[in-house]
Amino acid sequence: MTKIIAGTHNQHKLEEYRELLDGQDLEIVSLNDYPEYAEPEENGKTFEENANIKALSATNYCDVLSFADDSGLEVEALDNAPGIYSSRYAANDKARVERILKELEGKENRRARFVCVISIAFNNEVVGSFRGEVYGKIIDEPRGTNGFGYDPAFMPDGFDKTFAELTREEKNKISHRANAIEKVIEFVEDEMSILDDELSSF
């Protein structure tokens, strides 16, 4: 079994990763297992740049194959804000949702999308970067208690429920993170044989 670091301290993300990668020959641990690890500055201008920064930082510190994501919500009427600043848009999840809804007051266009970019890094190099998206709209009032982040305000296309009203299993079939993970799995299955010799020592 290959050990891989999920470059996050976010327990919600870690749980989603483990569910989405269930059945793969991977032991997934997080940065919570490395209490002295210091988060890098996320000073990239895109999701890809920030995912690369986090994946490289994790693999260089832990000396293990690592992956990390940068994800967020883009709202058309807000010029794709909050985007890469989604987790820093307000002090907590509730406040972030409230800010989005406040900024959309009086706007007819409620179109939005969640974006997730996952980068894989090993041996001081990014070996792959994968983007997943899911489209939908921002509703008028938050609904649901599942999920996290902006989930209570986001209704994906083709559904009459928000991400926070869907079961975890339902969300994991369509989410931006699920779309990106699907591409990661395809890459790993194609490329793992090349990395096997390098990873065998861990």
N, C-alpha and C. Protein backbone atom coordinates (compact mmCIF):
# COMPACT_ATOMS: atom_id res chain seq x y z
N MET A 1 0.85 -1.20 0.00
CA MET A 1 0.00 0.00 0.00
C MET A 1 0.88 1.24 0.00
N THR A 2 0.56 2.18 -0.86
CA THR A 2 1.34 3.41 -0.99
C THR A 2 0.83 4.47 -0.02
N LYS A 3 1.75 5.04 0.74
CA LYS A 3 1.40 6.13 1.64
C LYS A 3 1.40 7.44 0.87
N ILE A 4 0.37 8.23 1.06
CA ILE A 4 0.27 9.51 0.36
C ILE A 4 -0.26 10.56 1.33
N ILE A 5 0.31 11.75 1.24
CA ILE A 5 -0.09 12.84 2.12
C ILE A 5 -1.14 13.70 1.43
N ALA A 6 -2.27 13.88 2.08
CA ALA A 6 -3.24 14.87 1.64
C ALA A 6 -2.83 16.19 2.27
N GLY A 7 -2.43 17.14 1.45
CA GLY A 7 -1.87 18.39 1.95
C GLY A 7 -2.92 19.33 2.50
N THR A 8 -3.56 18.92 3.58
CA THR A 8 -4.60 19.73 4.20
C THR A 8 -4.70 19.43 5.68
N HIS A 9 -5.17 20.41 6.45
CA HIS A 9 -5.54 20.20 7.84
C HIS A 9 -7.06 20.12 7.99
N ASN A 10 -7.77 20.31 6.88
CA ASN A 10 -9.23 20.35 6.89
C ASN A 10 -9.80 18.93 6.98
N GLN A 11 -10.41 18.61 8.12
CA GLN A 11 -10.92 17.27 8.33
C GLN A 11 -12.04 16.91 7.37
N HIS A 12 -12.87 17.90 7.01
CA HIS A 12 -13.95 17.66 6.05
C HIS A 12 -13.38 17.21 4.70
N LYS A 13 -12.34 17.93 4.23
CA LYS A 13 -11.72 17.56 2.96
C LYS A 13 -11.10 16.17 3.04
N LEU A 14 -10.42 15.89 4.17
CA LEU A 14 -9.77 14.60 4.33
C LEU A 14 -10.79 13.45 4.26
N GLU A 15 -11.93 13.65 4.91
CA GLU A 15 -12.96 12.61 4.87
C GLU A 15 -13.47 12.41 3.45
N GLU A 16 -13.67 13.51 2.71
CA GLU A 16 -14.11 13.38 1.32
C GLU A 16 -13.07 12.66 0.47
N TYR A 17 -11.79 13.01 0.66
CA TYR A 17 -10.73 12.35 -0.08
C TYR A 17 -10.75 10.84 0.17
N ARG A 18 -10.86 10.46 1.44
CA ARG A 18 -10.82 9.04 1.77
C ARG A 18 -12.01 8.29 1.17
N GLU A 19 -13.16 8.94 1.15
CA GLU A 19 -14.33 8.31 0.55
C GLU A 19 -14.18 8.21 -0.97
N LEU A 20 -13.70 9.28 -1.58
CA LEU A 20 -13.57 9.30 -3.04
C LEU A 20 -12.48 8.35 -3.53
N LEU A 21 -11.47 8.11 -2.69
CA LEU A 21 -10.37 7.24 -3.08
C LEU A 21 -10.49 5.85 -2.47
N ASP A 22 -11.64 5.56 -1.90
CA ASP A 22 -11.87 4.24 -1.33
C ASP A 22 -11.72 3.17 -2.41
N GLY A 23 -11.00 2.12 -2.08
CA GLY A 23 -10.77 1.06 -3.05
C GLY A 23 -9.43 1.16 -3.75
N GLN A 24 -8.78 2.33 -3.64
CA GLN A 24 -7.44 2.47 -4.19
C GLN A 24 -6.42 1.94 -3.17
N ASP A 25 -5.29 1.49 -3.64
CA ASP A 25 -4.26 0.92 -2.76
C ASP A 25 -3.42 2.04 -2.15
N LEU A 26 -4.10 2.87 -1.34
CA LEU A 26 -3.46 4.05 -0.77
C LEU A 26 -3.74 4.17 0.72
N GLU A 27 -2.73 4.55 1.46
CA GLU A 27 -2.90 4.95 2.85
C GLU A 27 -2.85 6.47 2.88
N ILE A 28 -3.99 7.10 3.12
CA ILE A 28 -4.08 8.56 3.05
C ILE A 28 -3.97 9.15 4.45
N VAL A 29 -2.95 9.94 4.66
CA VAL A 29 -2.80 10.66 5.92
C VAL A 29 -2.81 12.15 5.60
N SER A 30 -2.98 12.96 6.62
CA SER A 30 -3.06 14.41 6.40
C SER A 30 -1.96 15.14 7.15
N LEU A 31 -1.93 16.43 6.98
CA LEU A 31 -0.93 17.24 7.67
C LEU A 31 -1.20 17.32 9.17
N ASN A 32 -2.37 16.87 9.60
CA ASN A 32 -2.63 16.78 11.04
C ASN A 32 -1.70 15.77 11.71
N ASP A 33 -1.12 14.86 10.91
CA ASP A 33 -0.16 13.89 11.44
C ASP A 33 1.25 14.47 11.53
N TYR A 34 1.39 15.72 11.10
CA TYR A 34 2.69 16.39 11.15
C TYR A 34 2.51 17.73 11.87
N PRO A 35 2.40 17.70 13.21
CA PRO A 35 2.04 18.90 13.97
C PRO A 35 3.02 20.06 13.85
N GLU A 36 4.26 19.79 13.46
CA GLU A 36 5.24 20.87 13.36
C GLU A 36 5.29 21.49 11.96
N TYR A 37 4.48 20.95 11.06
CA TYR A 37 4.45 21.48 9.69
C TYR A 37 3.88 22.89 9.68
N ALA A 38 4.53 23.77 8.95
CA ALA A 38 4.07 25.16 8.83
C ALA A 38 3.45 25.36 7.45
N GLU A 39 2.23 25.88 7.42
CA GLU A 39 1.54 26.11 6.15
C GLU A 39 2.32 27.11 5.29
N PRO A 40 2.44 26.84 3.98
CA PRO A 40 3.09 27.80 3.10
C PRO A 40 2.16 28.98 2.82
N GLU A 41 2.74 30.08 2.38
CA GLU A 41 1.93 31.22 1.97
C GLU A 41 1.28 30.92 0.63
N GLU A 42 -0.04 31.02 0.60
CA GLU A 42 -0.76 30.79 -0.66
C GLU A 42 -0.82 32.09 -1.43
N ASN A 43 0.25 32.38 -2.14
CA ASN A 43 0.34 33.65 -2.86
C ASN A 43 0.20 33.50 -4.36
N GLY A 44 -0.35 32.36 -4.80
CA GLY A 44 -0.61 32.17 -6.22
C GLY A 44 -1.77 33.03 -6.69
N LYS A 45 -1.86 33.19 -7.99
CA LYS A 45 -2.93 33.99 -8.60
C LYS A 45 -4.05 33.13 -9.16
N THR A 46 -3.86 31.80 -9.15
CA THR A 46 -4.86 30.89 -9.69
C THR A 46 -5.00 29.69 -8.75
N PHE A 47 -6.07 28.92 -8.95
CA PHE A 47 -6.23 27.69 -8.19
C PHE A 47 -5.05 26.76 -8.44
N GLU A 48 -4.61 26.67 -9.70
CA GLU A 48 -3.50 25.79 -10.05
C GLU A 48 -2.23 26.17 -9.30
N GLU A 49 -1.92 27.46 -9.27
CA GLU A 49 -0.69 27.90 -8.61
C GLU A 49 -0.73 27.59 -7.12
N ASN A 50 -1.86 27.84 -6.49
CA ASN A 50 -1.96 27.57 -5.05
C ASN A 50 -1.92 26.08 -4.75
N ALA A 51 -2.55 25.25 -5.58
CA ALA A 51 -2.49 23.81 -5.39
C ALA A 51 -1.06 23.31 -5.52
N ASN A 52 -0.34 23.84 -6.49
CA ASN A 52 1.07 23.46 -6.66
C ASN A 52 1.90 23.83 -5.44
N ILE A 53 1.69 25.03 -4.93
CA ILE A 53 2.43 25.49 -3.75
C ILE A 53 2.21 24.55 -2.57
N LYS A 54 0.97 24.18 -2.33
CA LYS A 54 0.65 23.33 -1.18
C LYS A 54 1.16 21.91 -1.37
N ALA A 55 1.03 21.37 -2.57
CA ALA A 55 1.49 20.00 -2.82
C ALA A 55 3.01 19.91 -2.70
N LEU A 56 3.73 20.88 -3.25
CA LEU A 56 5.19 20.87 -3.17
C LEU A 56 5.66 21.04 -1.73
N SER A 57 5.02 21.93 -1.00
CA SER A 57 5.39 22.15 0.40
C SER A 57 5.21 20.88 1.22
N ALA A 58 4.10 20.18 1.00
CA ALA A 58 3.82 18.96 1.76
C ALA A 58 4.80 17.85 1.43
N THR A 59 5.08 17.64 0.15
CA THR A 59 5.99 16.56 -0.21
C THR A 59 7.41 16.84 0.22
N ASN A 60 7.82 18.10 0.16
CA ASN A 60 9.18 18.45 0.57
C ASN A 60 9.37 18.28 2.08
N TYR A 61 8.33 18.59 2.84
CA TYR A 61 8.44 18.46 4.30
C TYR A 61 8.32 17.00 4.73
N CYS A 62 7.37 16.28 4.15
CA CYS A 62 7.08 14.91 4.60
C CYS A 62 7.89 13.86 3.85
N ASP A 63 8.49 14.25 2.72
CA ASP A 63 9.28 13.33 1.91
C ASP A 63 8.48 12.13 1.45
N VAL A 64 7.23 12.36 1.12
CA VAL A 64 6.30 11.33 0.68
C VAL A 64 5.47 11.90 -0.47
N LEU A 65 5.05 11.04 -1.39
CA LEU A 65 4.13 11.46 -2.44
C LEU A 65 2.96 12.22 -1.82
N SER A 66 2.67 13.40 -2.35
CA SER A 66 1.65 14.26 -1.75
C SER A 66 0.71 14.82 -2.79
N PHE A 67 -0.49 15.14 -2.36
CA PHE A 67 -1.39 15.88 -3.22
C PHE A 67 -2.10 16.94 -2.38
N ALA A 68 -2.48 18.00 -3.03
CA ALA A 68 -3.18 19.09 -2.35
C ALA A 68 -4.12 19.75 -3.33
N ASP A 69 -5.18 20.31 -2.79
CA ASP A 69 -6.11 21.01 -3.68
C ASP A 69 -6.24 22.47 -3.29
N ASP A 70 -6.62 23.25 -4.26
CA ASP A 70 -7.10 24.60 -3.99
C ASP A 70 -8.47 24.66 -4.64
N SER A 71 -9.45 25.08 -3.89
CA SER A 71 -10.81 25.04 -4.40
C SER A 71 -11.56 26.27 -3.92
N GLY A 72 -12.67 26.53 -4.59
CA GLY A 72 -13.46 27.68 -4.20
C GLY A 72 -14.68 27.86 -5.07
N LEU A 73 -15.42 28.89 -4.74
CA LEU A 73 -16.66 29.22 -5.42
C LEU A 73 -16.45 30.44 -6.31
N GLU A 74 -16.93 30.36 -7.55
CA GLU A 74 -16.89 31.50 -8.45
C GLU A 74 -18.32 31.88 -8.82
N VAL A 75 -18.68 33.13 -8.57
CA VAL A 75 -20.04 33.63 -8.81
C VAL A 75 -19.98 34.62 -9.98
N GLU A 76 -20.72 34.32 -11.03
CA GLU A 76 -20.65 35.14 -12.25
C GLU A 76 -20.91 36.62 -11.99
N ALA A 77 -21.99 36.92 -11.27
CA ALA A 77 -22.39 38.31 -11.06
C ALA A 77 -21.41 39.08 -10.17
N LEU A 78 -20.52 38.36 -9.51
CA LEU A 78 -19.52 39.01 -8.65
C LEU A 78 -18.14 38.96 -9.29
N ASP A 79 -18.12 38.89 -10.63
CA ASP A 79 -16.85 38.82 -11.37
C ASP A 79 -16.00 37.65 -10.91
N ASN A 80 -16.68 36.52 -10.67
CA ASN A 80 -16.05 35.26 -10.26
C ASN A 80 -15.46 35.29 -8.85
N ALA A 81 -15.82 36.30 -8.07
CA ALA A 81 -15.47 36.26 -6.65
C ALA A 81 -16.38 35.24 -5.95
N PRO A 82 -15.95 34.70 -4.83
CA PRO A 82 -14.68 34.94 -4.14
C PRO A 82 -13.49 34.19 -4.72
N GLY A 83 -13.70 33.20 -5.58
CA GLY A 83 -12.59 32.54 -6.27
C GLY A 83 -11.56 31.97 -5.34
N ILE A 84 -10.28 32.28 -5.59
CA ILE A 84 -9.19 31.72 -4.78
C ILE A 84 -9.20 32.26 -3.35
N TYR A 85 -10.02 33.26 -3.10
CA TYR A 85 -10.11 33.82 -1.75
C TYR A 85 -11.32 33.27 -0.99
N SER A 86 -11.92 32.19 -1.48
CA SER A 86 -13.16 31.67 -0.91
C SER A 86 -13.05 31.38 0.58
N SER A 87 -11.96 30.77 1.01
CA SER A 87 -11.83 30.42 2.42
C SER A 87 -11.48 31.61 3.29
N ARG A 88 -11.12 32.73 2.65
CA ARG A 88 -10.73 33.93 3.40
C ARG A 88 -11.74 35.06 3.21
N TYR A 89 -12.93 34.74 2.70
CA TYR A 89 -13.91 35.77 2.36
C TYR A 89 -14.59 36.36 3.59
N ALA A 90 -14.56 35.61 4.68
CA ALA A 90 -15.12 36.07 5.95
C ALA A 90 -14.56 35.15 7.04
N ALA A 91 -14.96 35.40 8.27
CA ALA A 91 -14.33 34.72 9.41
C ALA A 91 -14.68 33.25 9.53
N ASN A 92 -15.86 32.85 9.06
CA ASN A 92 -16.28 31.45 9.20
C ASN A 92 -17.27 31.12 8.09
N ASP A 93 -17.68 29.84 8.03
CA ASP A 93 -18.57 29.40 6.95
C ASP A 93 -19.87 30.19 6.92
N LYS A 94 -20.49 30.37 8.07
CA LYS A 94 -21.77 31.09 8.13
C LYS A 94 -21.61 32.51 7.62
N ALA A 95 -20.55 33.17 8.04
CA ALA A 95 -20.32 34.56 7.62
C ALA A 95 -20.00 34.64 6.12
N ARG A 96 -19.31 33.64 5.60
CA ARG A 96 -18.99 33.65 4.17
C ARG A 96 -20.26 33.50 3.33
N VAL A 97 -21.15 32.60 3.74
CA VAL A 97 -22.42 32.46 3.02
C VAL A 97 -23.23 33.74 3.10
N GLU A 98 -23.29 34.32 4.27
CA GLU A 98 -24.05 35.56 4.45
C GLU A 98 -23.49 36.68 3.57
N ARG A 99 -22.19 36.75 3.43
CA ARG A 99 -21.60 37.80 2.59
C ARG A 99 -21.97 37.61 1.13
N ILE A 100 -21.90 36.36 0.65
CA ILE A 100 -22.27 36.08 -0.74
C ILE A 100 -23.72 36.48 -1.00
N LEU A 101 -24.61 36.06 -0.10
CA LEU A 101 -26.03 36.38 -0.29
C LEU A 101 -26.27 37.88 -0.25
N LYS A 102 -25.58 38.57 0.63
CA LYS A 102 -25.73 40.03 0.71
C LYS A 102 -25.27 40.69 -0.59
N GLU A 103 -24.14 40.24 -1.13
CA GLU A 103 -23.60 40.85 -2.34
C GLU A 103 -24.44 40.54 -3.58
N LEU A 104 -25.24 39.48 -3.51
CA LEU A 104 -26.09 39.12 -4.64
C LEU A 104 -27.49 39.74 -4.55
N GLU A 105 -27.79 40.47 -3.49
CA GLU A 105 -29.11 41.08 -3.36
C GLU A 105 -29.39 41.99 -4.56
N GLY A 106 -30.54 41.79 -5.18
CA GLY A 106 -30.94 42.61 -6.32
C GLY A 106 -30.36 42.18 -7.66
N LYS A 107 -29.56 41.13 -7.66
CA LYS A 107 -28.96 40.66 -8.92
C LYS A 107 -29.75 39.45 -9.44
N GLU A 108 -30.09 39.50 -10.72
CA GLU A 108 -30.85 38.39 -11.31
C GLU A 108 -29.96 37.19 -11.61
N ASN A 109 -28.75 37.43 -12.02
CA ASN A 109 -27.84 36.34 -12.38
C ASN A 109 -27.31 35.68 -11.11
N ARG A 110 -27.69 34.43 -10.89
CA ARG A 110 -27.24 33.70 -9.70
C ARG A 110 -26.31 32.55 -10.08
N ARG A 111 -25.84 32.53 -11.33
CA ARG A 111 -25.01 31.42 -11.79
C ARG A 111 -23.68 31.39 -11.05
N ALA A 112 -23.24 30.17 -10.75
CA ALA A 112 -21.99 29.99 -10.02
C ALA A 112 -21.41 28.62 -10.34
N ARG A 113 -20.17 28.44 -9.97
CA ARG A 113 -19.56 27.13 -10.09
C ARG A 113 -18.55 26.93 -8.97
N PHE A 114 -18.42 25.69 -8.54
CA PHE A 114 -17.34 25.30 -7.65
C PHE A 114 -16.19 24.79 -8.51
N VAL A 115 -14.98 25.16 -8.14
CA VAL A 115 -13.78 24.72 -8.84
C VAL A 115 -12.86 24.03 -7.84
N CYS A 116 -12.25 22.94 -8.27
CA CYS A 116 -11.24 22.27 -7.47
C CYS A 116 -10.08 21.88 -8.38
N VAL A 117 -8.88 22.27 -7.99
CA VAL A 117 -7.67 21.83 -8.70
C VAL A 117 -6.82 21.04 -7.72
N ILE A 118 -6.50 19.81 -8.10
CA ILE A 118 -5.66 18.94 -7.28
C ILE A 118 -4.32 18.77 -7.98
N SER A 119 -3.24 19.06 -7.25
CA SER A 119 -1.89 18.85 -7.76
C SER A 119 -1.22 17.71 -7.00
N ILE A 120 -0.45 16.90 -7.72
CA ILE A 120 0.31 15.80 -7.12
C ILE A 120 1.79 16.15 -7.24
N ALA A 121 2.51 15.98 -6.13
CA ALA A 121 3.93 16.31 -6.13
C ALA A 121 4.75 15.20 -5.49
N PHE A 122 5.95 15.04 -6.00
CA PHE A 122 6.89 14.06 -5.46
C PHE A 122 8.30 14.45 -5.88
N ASN A 123 9.25 14.26 -4.97
CA ASN A 123 10.65 14.50 -5.29
C ASN A 123 10.87 15.92 -5.82
N ASN A 124 10.26 16.88 -5.11
CA ASN A 124 10.43 18.31 -5.41
C ASN A 124 9.91 18.70 -6.78
N GLU A 125 8.87 17.99 -7.23
CA GLU A 125 8.32 18.28 -8.57
C GLU A 125 6.82 18.03 -8.59
N VAL A 126 6.08 18.91 -9.23
CA VAL A 126 4.66 18.68 -9.49
C VAL A 126 4.55 17.74 -10.68
N VAL A 127 3.95 16.57 -10.47
CA VAL A 127 3.88 15.57 -11.54
C VAL A 127 2.53 15.55 -12.23
N GLY A 128 1.57 16.31 -11.73
CA GLY A 128 0.27 16.38 -12.39
C GLY A 128 -0.64 17.38 -11.69
N SER A 129 -1.51 18.01 -12.46
CA SER A 129 -2.47 18.97 -11.92
C SER A 129 -3.80 18.75 -12.63
N PHE A 130 -4.88 18.65 -11.85
CA PHE A 130 -6.16 18.21 -12.39
C PHE A 130 -7.29 19.09 -11.89
N ARG A 131 -8.14 19.53 -12.82
CA ARG A 131 -9.20 20.48 -12.51
C ARG A 131 -10.57 19.83 -12.61
N GLY A 132 -11.40 20.08 -11.61
CA GLY A 132 -12.78 19.63 -11.63
C GLY A 132 -13.71 20.80 -11.36
N GLU A 133 -14.88 20.79 -11.99
CA GLU A 133 -15.85 21.87 -11.82
C GLU A 133 -17.26 21.31 -11.72
N VAL A 134 -18.12 22.02 -11.04
CA VAL A 134 -19.55 21.70 -11.03
C VAL A 134 -20.31 23.01 -11.09
N TYR A 135 -21.30 23.08 -11.97
CA TYR A 135 -22.04 24.31 -12.21
C TYR A 135 -23.39 24.27 -11.50
N GLY A 136 -23.88 25.46 -11.15
CA GLY A 136 -25.16 25.56 -10.49
C GLY A 136 -25.53 27.01 -10.27
N LYS A 137 -26.26 27.27 -9.19
CA LYS A 137 -26.67 28.63 -8.87
C LYS A 137 -26.67 28.84 -7.36
N ILE A 138 -26.65 30.11 -6.98
CA ILE A 138 -26.74 30.49 -5.58
C ILE A 138 -28.21 30.77 -5.27
N ILE A 139 -28.75 30.08 -4.28
CA ILE A 139 -30.15 30.29 -3.92
C ILE A 139 -30.28 31.49 -2.99
N ASP A 140 -31.53 31.87 -2.68
CA ASP A 140 -31.78 33.08 -1.89
C ASP A 140 -31.47 32.91 -0.41
N GLU A 141 -31.71 31.71 0.12
CA GLU A 141 -31.49 31.45 1.54
C GLU A 141 -30.76 30.12 1.70
N PRO A 142 -29.81 30.03 2.62
CA PRO A 142 -29.10 28.76 2.81
C PRO A 142 -30.03 27.66 3.28
N ARG A 143 -29.77 26.44 2.79
CA ARG A 143 -30.58 25.29 3.17
C ARG A 143 -29.68 24.07 3.37
N GLY A 144 -30.00 23.30 4.40
CA GLY A 144 -29.30 22.05 4.62
C GLY A 144 -28.21 22.14 5.67
N THR A 145 -27.89 21.00 6.25
CA THR A 145 -26.90 20.96 7.33
C THR A 145 -25.73 20.02 7.01
N ASN A 146 -25.76 19.40 5.84
CA ASN A 146 -24.63 18.56 5.45
C ASN A 146 -23.55 19.43 4.81
N GLY A 147 -22.41 18.84 4.54
CA GLY A 147 -21.37 19.56 3.83
C GLY A 147 -20.72 20.63 4.68
N PHE A 148 -20.07 21.57 4.00
CA PHE A 148 -19.35 22.64 4.69
C PHE A 148 -19.14 23.78 3.70
N GLY A 149 -18.55 24.86 4.18
CA GLY A 149 -18.28 25.99 3.31
C GLY A 149 -19.54 26.62 2.75
N TYR A 150 -19.57 26.80 1.43
CA TYR A 150 -20.70 27.45 0.76
C TYR A 150 -21.80 26.46 0.36
N ASP A 151 -21.67 25.21 0.77
CA ASP A 151 -22.61 24.18 0.36
C ASP A 151 -24.09 24.53 0.58
N PRO A 152 -24.47 25.17 1.70
CA PRO A 152 -25.89 25.46 1.93
C PRO A 152 -26.50 26.45 0.94
N ALA A 153 -25.66 27.21 0.24
CA ALA A 153 -26.16 28.23 -0.69
C ALA A 153 -26.07 27.81 -2.14
N PHE A 154 -25.45 26.66 -2.42
CA PHE A 154 -25.19 26.25 -3.81
C PHE A 154 -26.07 25.08 -4.21
N MET A 155 -26.85 25.29 -5.29
CA MET A 155 -27.69 24.24 -5.84
C MET A 155 -27.13 23.82 -7.19
N PRO A 156 -26.62 22.58 -7.31
CA PRO A 156 -26.03 22.15 -8.58
C PRO A 156 -27.09 21.96 -9.66
N ASP A 157 -26.70 22.16 -10.90
CA ASP A 157 -27.61 21.98 -12.03
C ASP A 157 -28.19 20.57 -12.01
N GLY A 158 -29.50 20.49 -12.30
CA GLY A 158 -30.16 19.21 -12.37
C GLY A 158 -30.70 18.71 -11.04
N PHE A 159 -30.54 19.50 -9.99
CA PHE A 159 -31.01 19.11 -8.66
C PHE A 159 -31.89 20.20 -8.07
N ASP A 160 -32.78 19.80 -7.16
CA ASP A 160 -33.59 20.78 -6.45
C ASP A 160 -33.16 20.85 -4.99
N LYS A 161 -31.96 20.37 -4.72
CA LYS A 161 -31.38 20.42 -3.38
C LYS A 161 -30.02 21.10 -3.44
N THR A 162 -29.64 21.73 -2.34
CA THR A 162 -28.31 22.30 -2.24
C THR A 162 -27.30 21.20 -1.93
N PHE A 163 -26.04 21.53 -2.06
CA PHE A 163 -25.00 20.58 -1.67
C PHE A 163 -25.17 20.16 -0.21
N ALA A 164 -25.66 21.07 0.62
CA ALA A 164 -25.81 20.77 2.04
C ALA A 164 -27.06 19.94 2.33
N GLU A 165 -27.93 19.78 1.34
CA GLU A 165 -29.11 18.92 1.49
C GLU A 165 -28.89 17.54 0.89
N LEU A 166 -27.91 17.41 0.01
CA LEU A 166 -27.59 16.11 -0.56
C LEU A 166 -26.89 15.24 0.48
N THR A 167 -27.04 13.93 0.35
CA THR A 167 -26.25 13.05 1.19
C THR A 167 -24.80 13.12 0.74
N ARG A 168 -23.90 12.68 1.59
CA ARG A 168 -22.49 12.69 1.23
C ARG A 168 -22.25 11.84 -0.02
N GLU A 169 -22.96 10.71 -0.10
CA GLU A 169 -22.80 9.84 -1.26
C GLU A 169 -23.26 10.54 -2.53
N GLU A 170 -24.38 11.26 -2.46
CA GLU A 170 -24.88 11.99 -3.64
C GLU A 170 -23.90 13.08 -4.06
N LYS A 171 -23.43 13.83 -3.10
CA LYS A 171 -22.49 14.91 -3.41
C LYS A 171 -21.20 14.37 -4.02
N ASN A 172 -20.72 13.26 -3.49
CA ASN A 172 -19.46 12.70 -3.96
C ASN A 172 -19.52 12.15 -5.37
N LYS A 173 -20.72 12.03 -5.93
CA LYS A 173 -20.86 11.59 -7.32
C LYS A 173 -20.73 12.75 -8.31
N ILE A 174 -20.98 13.97 -7.85
CA ILE A 174 -21.07 15.08 -8.80
C ILE A 174 -20.19 16.27 -8.47
N SER A 175 -19.56 16.29 -7.30
CA SER A 175 -18.88 17.50 -6.85
C SER A 175 -17.65 17.82 -7.68
N HIS A 176 -17.20 19.06 -7.55
CA HIS A 176 -15.98 19.52 -8.20
C HIS A 176 -14.78 18.68 -7.74
N ARG A 177 -14.77 18.34 -6.44
CA ARG A 177 -13.67 17.53 -5.91
C ARG A 177 -13.73 16.11 -6.49
N ALA A 178 -14.94 15.57 -6.63
CA ALA A 178 -15.09 14.24 -7.21
C ALA A 178 -14.62 14.23 -8.67
N ASN A 179 -14.94 15.28 -9.42
CA ASN A 179 -14.52 15.37 -10.82
C ASN A 179 -13.00 15.41 -10.94
N ALA A 180 -12.37 16.18 -10.03
CA ALA A 180 -10.91 16.26 -10.06
C ALA A 180 -10.28 14.94 -9.64
N ILE A 181 -10.84 14.32 -8.60
CA ILE A 181 -10.31 13.04 -8.11
C ILE A 181 -10.39 11.96 -9.19
N GLU A 182 -11.46 11.98 -9.98
CA GLU A 182 -11.60 11.00 -11.06
C GLU A 182 -10.42 11.10 -12.03
N LYS A 183 -10.01 12.33 -12.32
CA LYS A 183 -8.87 12.53 -13.21
C LYS A 183 -7.57 12.10 -12.53
N VAL A 184 -7.48 12.34 -11.22
CA VAL A 184 -6.30 11.92 -10.46
C VAL A 184 -6.16 10.39 -10.53
N ILE A 185 -7.27 9.68 -10.31
CA ILE A 185 -7.22 8.22 -10.32
C ILE A 185 -6.77 7.70 -11.68
N GLU A 186 -7.28 8.30 -12.75
CA GLU A 186 -6.88 7.88 -14.09
C GLU A 186 -5.38 8.08 -14.27
N PHE A 187 -4.88 9.21 -13.79
CA PHE A 187 -3.45 9.52 -13.91
C PHE A 187 -2.61 8.53 -13.10
N VAL A 188 -3.03 8.29 -11.87
CA VAL A 188 -2.27 7.40 -10.98
C VAL A 188 -2.23 6.00 -11.57
N GLU A 189 -3.36 5.53 -12.09
CA GLU A 189 -3.39 4.19 -12.67
C GLU A 189 -2.48 4.08 -13.89
N ASP A 190 -2.39 5.17 -14.66
CA ASP A 190 -1.54 5.17 -15.84
C ASP A 190 -0.06 5.33 -15.50
N GLU A 191 0.20 6.16 -14.49
CA GLU A 191 1.58 6.56 -14.22
C GLU A 191 2.22 5.87 -13.02
N MET A 192 1.43 5.18 -12.17
CA MET A 192 1.99 4.65 -10.94
C MET A 192 3.11 3.66 -11.19
N SER A 193 3.03 2.93 -12.30
CA SER A 193 4.09 1.97 -12.58
C SER A 193 5.43 2.66 -12.76
N ILE A 194 5.38 3.89 -13.28
CA ILE A 194 6.61 4.65 -13.47
C ILE A 194 7.16 5.11 -12.12
N LEU A 195 6.24 5.43 -11.19
CA LEU A 195 6.67 5.92 -9.88
C LEU A 195 6.97 4.80 -8.89
N ASP A 196 6.55 3.59 -9.20
CA ASP A 196 6.68 2.50 -8.25
C ASP A 196 8.10 2.32 -7.73
N ASP A 197 9.08 2.36 -8.62
CA ASP A 197 10.46 2.16 -8.20
C ASP A 197 10.90 3.23 -7.20
N GLU A 198 10.48 4.48 -7.46
CA GLU A 198 10.86 5.57 -6.58
C GLU A 198 10.14 5.46 -5.23
N LEU A 199 8.88 4.98 -5.26
CA LEU A 199 8.07 4.94 -4.05
C LEU A 199 8.34 3.69 -3.21
N SER A 200 9.01 2.68 -3.77
CA SER A 200 9.17 1.41 -3.09
C SER A 200 9.97 1.52 -1.81
N SER A 201 10.76 2.59 -1.70
CA SER A 201 11.58 2.73 -0.50
C SER A 201 10.83 3.30 0.68
N PHE A 202 9.56 3.74 0.45
CA PHE A 202 8.80 4.37 1.54
C PHE A 202 7.90 3.33 2.19
